[in-house]
Protein backbone atom coordinates (compact mmCIF):
# COMPACT_ATOMS: atom_id res chain seq x y z
CA MET A 1 0.32 -0.02 0.42
CA GLU A 2 2.38 2.28 0.54
CA ALA A 3 4.29 1.45 -2.33
CA PHE A 4 1.50 2.13 -4.43
CA ARG A 5 0.15 4.99 -2.59
CA ALA A 6 4.05 6.63 -2.95
CA ALA A 7 4.00 6.05 -7.02
CA PRO A 8 0.41 5.02 -7.96
CA ASP A 9 1.29 5.89 -11.93
CA LYS A 10 4.39 3.45 -11.49
CA PHE A 11 1.58 0.36 -11.64
CA ASP A 12 0.57 -0.89 -14.45
CA LEU A 13 -2.01 -4.37 -13.04
CA VAL A 14 -1.81 -4.73 -9.35
CA ILE A 15 -2.86 -8.91 -8.84
CA THR A 16 -4.12 -9.45 -4.63
CA ASP A 17 -5.11 -12.08 -2.93
CA MET A 18 -8.31 -12.47 -1.01
CA THR A 19 -6.86 -13.57 2.16
CA MET A 20 -4.45 -11.38 3.78
CA PRO A 21 -3.04 -9.62 6.75
CA ASN A 22 -5.00 -6.40 8.77
CA MET A 23 -7.49 -6.66 5.54
CA THR A 24 -8.98 -8.56 2.70
CA GLY A 25 -8.28 -7.87 -0.18
CA ILE A 26 -11.83 -6.15 -1.50
CA GLN A 27 -11.14 -4.14 1.37
CA PHE A 28 -6.97 -3.51 -0.66
CA SER A 29 -8.59 -3.57 -3.99
CA GLN A 30 -11.04 -0.57 -3.04
CA LYS A 31 -7.96 1.85 -0.81
CA LEU A 32 -6.56 1.22 -4.50
CA LEU A 33 -9.50 2.47 -6.81
CA GLU A 34 -9.89 5.00 -4.23
CA ILE A 35 -6.15 6.47 -4.83
CA ARG A 36 -6.42 5.63 -8.62
CA PRO A 37 -9.33 4.28 -10.15
CA ASP A 38 -8.83 3.37 -13.29
CA ILE A 39 -5.72 0.68 -12.22
CA PRO A 40 -6.68 -2.98 -13.62
CA ILE A 41 -7.05 -5.22 -10.26
CA ILE A 42 -6.84 -8.78 -10.22
CA ILE A 43 -7.81 -11.11 -7.42
CA CYS A 44 -7.08 -14.68 -6.87
CA THR A 45 -8.85 -16.39 -3.78
CA GLY A 46 -9.26 -20.33 -3.35
CA PHE A 47 -13.37 -20.34 -1.43
CA SER A 48 -14.09 -18.04 -0.50
CA ALA A 49 -17.94 -16.43 0.42
CA LYS A 50 -17.03 -13.13 0.45
CA VAL A 51 -16.06 -12.73 -3.24
CA ASP A 52 -17.21 -14.62 -6.12
CA GLY A 53 -15.94 -12.81 -9.82
CA GLU A 54 -19.16 -10.35 -9.60
CA LYS A 55 -18.90 -9.19 -6.92
CA ALA A 56 -15.57 -8.74 -8.45
CA LYS A 57 -15.80 -6.82 -10.53
CA ALA A 58 -18.93 -4.78 -8.73
CA PHE A 59 -16.10 -2.97 -6.57
CA GLY A 60 -14.73 -2.40 -9.12
CA ILE A 61 -11.87 -5.16 -9.82
CA ARG A 62 -11.26 -6.25 -13.75
CA GLY A 63 -10.77 -10.16 -13.26
CA TYR A 64 -10.86 -12.67 -10.90
CA VAL A 65 -9.29 -16.15 -10.48
CA MET A 66 -9.76 -19.24 -7.96
CA LYS A 67 -6.52 -21.02 -6.72
CA PRO A 68 -4.58 -22.78 -7.55
CA VAL A 69 -3.94 -21.09 -9.98
CA VAL A 70 -2.17 -22.27 -13.33
CA MET A 71 0.43 -19.79 -15.28
CA SER A 72 -1.64 -19.59 -18.39
CA GLU A 73 -5.30 -18.74 -16.74
CA ILE A 74 -3.69 -16.19 -14.97
CA ALA A 75 -1.49 -15.21 -18.52
CA LYS A 76 -4.74 -14.52 -19.98
CA LYS A 77 -6.33 -12.71 -18.02
CA ILE A 78 -3.77 -10.81 -17.28
CA ARG A 79 -3.27 -9.84 -20.88
CA GLU A 80 -7.64 -9.78 -20.38
CA VAL A 81 -8.04 -7.31 -17.85
CA LEU A 82 -4.79 -5.25 -19.57
CA ASP A 83 -6.86 -5.43 -23.03
CA GLN A 84 -9.40 -3.26 -21.56
CA ASP A 85 -8.05 -0.34 -21.50
């Protein structure tokens, strides 16, 4: 969060996890979007009753990936999210 806050324009994409210390991936994403509303975000999760693909989109998160993350799937999702701009 500190690195993003210090230089938000140096980031092209943020990939986060739903489960993190001190806040959820949704909370983290909301903070990022407050600073830079156009930042593409992908959230990764195992099972979460708090978020699914539709809920993630409702929060402004552009991509949703289930764990275990397969490299080819995350690569496709990154391309898809970056092509949205």
